[in-house]
Structures are given as C-alpha cells and as structure tokens.
Amino acid sequence: MEKNTAIVALGALAQETRLDVFRLLVERGPGGLPAGAIACALDVPAATLSFHLKALKEAGMVRRARKGRELVYAADFPRMEALLRFLTENCCQGACPPPAAGP
C-alpha cells in the first residue's frame, strides 16, 4: 500500500461515526449490512449515514452492492489487511508477526 493511500484510509477512519460504521461492518463479516440496518444499529440519521458511507467508500474501506432495492455495505477486508500490513511492516525491526488473515 502506498503512503498516500494509507493516509486517505486512516483519515476516513479518524471520525467517530465512520469508525463505528467500519467496526460494525467488520463484525458483520463479508455479507455486510443494508444501509438501513446500519442506521438503526448505530442510531444515525439516514442522511448523516450516507455522508459517512460515501467517505468510507471513497477511501476504499467499504464496498457497496445493490441487492434488489437495498444498498448493502461491507468492509473491504483486503484493503483493511493491506492497511494493517502497511502500519506494521517495520514493526520491531521485523520481529512482529504479520497481521492474521481475514475472516
């Protein structure tokens, strides 16, 4: 991962609601959640959630898929793993174990 890509990803996650959304989607796994379910789970108004989901999507931290009439969002696990590798690649002079594989 390039440094600028990591900065964009970290910037997207450096906001309380977006971090809550991302953590919820990580917990949910690859199947993700519809936007309405995210809004209910986090008690966030739809317009506010839309703004935050757009920021996470533009940063590459979430993926969106249309299923019927719903937009379903899921954490982008390969991107998350790449970010973790970037953050830890020089950890402890290489003595740290690499991050565990995805879900």
Protein backbone atom coordinates (compact mmCIF):
# COMPACT_ATOMS: atom_id res chain seq x y z
CA MET A 1 0.00 0.00 0.00
CA GLU A 2 1.26 3.45 -0.87
CA LYS A 3 1.63 6.01 1.90
CA ASN A 4 -0.96 8.36 0.35
CA THR A 5 -3.50 5.54 0.15
CA ALA A 6 -2.92 4.74 3.82
CA ILE A 7 -3.34 8.41 4.75
CA VAL A 8 -6.71 8.55 2.95
CA ALA A 9 -7.88 5.33 4.65
CA LEU A 10 -6.75 6.47 8.09
CA GLY A 11 -8.35 9.87 7.52
CA ALA A 12 -11.67 8.23 6.71
CA LEU A 13 -11.48 6.14 9.88
CA ALA A 14 -10.45 9.12 12.04
CA GLN A 15 -14.03 10.17 12.71
CA GLU A 16 -16.26 8.66 15.39
CA THR A 17 -19.29 7.71 13.28
CA ARG A 18 -17.21 6.34 10.41
CA LEU A 19 -15.11 4.28 12.80
CA ASP A 20 -18.30 2.91 14.40
CA VAL A 21 -19.69 2.03 10.96
CA PHE A 22 -16.48 0.34 9.89
CA ARG A 23 -16.21 -1.68 13.11
CA LEU A 24 -19.84 -2.77 12.79
CA LEU A 25 -19.21 -3.91 9.23
CA VAL A 26 -16.07 -5.78 10.28
CA GLU A 27 -18.10 -7.57 12.96
CA ARG A 28 -20.79 -8.42 10.41
CA GLY A 29 -18.31 -10.04 8.02
CA PRO A 30 -18.21 -10.25 4.23
CA GLY A 31 -22.01 -10.30 3.88
CA GLY A 32 -22.25 -6.75 5.19
CA LEU A 33 -25.41 -4.90 6.12
CA PRO A 34 -28.02 -2.84 4.32
CA ALA A 35 -27.68 0.90 4.90
CA GLY A 36 -30.96 0.96 6.84
CA ALA A 37 -29.74 -1.71 9.24
CA ILE A 38 -26.53 0.23 9.84
CA ALA A 39 -28.54 3.38 10.55
CA CYS A 40 -30.74 1.51 13.04
CA ALA A 41 -27.84 -0.27 14.75
CA LEU A 42 -25.92 2.97 15.28
CA ASP A 43 -28.90 5.30 15.67
CA VAL A 44 -27.63 7.56 12.89
CA PRO A 45 -29.98 9.54 10.60
CA ALA A 46 -30.02 8.27 7.00
CA ALA A 47 -28.61 11.48 5.51
CA THR A 48 -25.74 11.52 8.01
CA LEU A 49 -25.02 7.84 7.42
CA SER A 50 -25.00 8.37 3.66
CA PHE A 51 -22.33 11.06 4.04
CA HIS A 52 -20.13 8.79 6.16
CA LEU A 53 -20.61 5.71 3.96
CA LYS A 54 -19.58 7.79 0.94
CA ALA A 55 -16.37 8.84 2.71
CA LEU A 56 -15.56 5.24 3.65
CA LYS A 57 -16.31 4.01 0.14
CA GLU A 58 -14.16 6.72 -1.48
CA ALA A 59 -11.31 5.76 0.86
CA GLY A 60 -11.69 2.13 -0.23
CA MET A 61 -12.57 0.87 3.24
CA VAL A 62 -16.07 -0.37 2.36
CA ARG A 63 -17.69 -1.92 -0.69
CA ARG A 64 -21.25 -1.38 -1.81
CA ALA A 65 -23.53 -3.77 -3.66
CA ARG A 66 -27.13 -3.40 -4.73
CA LYS A 67 -29.38 -6.25 -3.68
CA GLY A 68 -32.83 -5.58 -5.01
CA ARG A 69 -33.85 -2.20 -3.67
CA GLU A 70 -31.24 -2.14 -0.91
CA LEU A 71 -27.66 -0.93 -0.87
CA VAL A 72 -25.58 -3.37 1.15
CA TYR A 73 -22.25 -2.23 2.56
CA ALA A 74 -19.41 -4.47 3.68
CA ALA A 75 -15.92 -3.84 4.99
CA ASP A 76 -13.25 -4.23 2.33
CA PHE A 77 -11.20 -6.86 4.13
CA PRO A 78 -8.31 -6.99 1.62
CA ARG A 79 -7.93 -3.20 1.93
CA MET A 80 -8.09 -3.43 5.73
CA GLU A 81 -5.41 -6.13 5.73
CA ALA A 82 -3.23 -4.06 3.39
CA LEU A 83 -3.54 -1.10 5.75
CA LEU A 84 -2.58 -3.26 8.73
CA ARG A 85 0.42 -4.63 6.83
CA PHE A 86 1.47 -1.08 5.91
CA LEU A 87 1.23 0.02 9.54
CA THR A 88 3.20 -2.95 10.86
CA GLU A 89 5.69 -3.69 8.08
CA ASN A 90 8.62 -2.18 10.00
CA CYS A 91 7.39 -3.10 13.47
CA CYS A 92 10.09 -4.11 15.92
CA GLN A 93 12.74 -4.37 13.22
CA GLY A 94 10.66 -7.13 11.56
CA ALA A 95 10.27 -9.17 14.75
CA CYS A 96 6.47 -8.72 14.98
CA PRO A 97 4.24 -11.37 13.45
CA PRO A 98 2.22 -10.23 10.42
CA PRO A 99 -1.50 -9.50 10.94
CA ALA A 100 -3.71 -12.57 10.86
CA ALA A 101 -5.51 -13.44 7.65
CA GLY A 102 -9.04 -12.13 7.08
CA PRO A 103 -12.29 -13.64 8.37
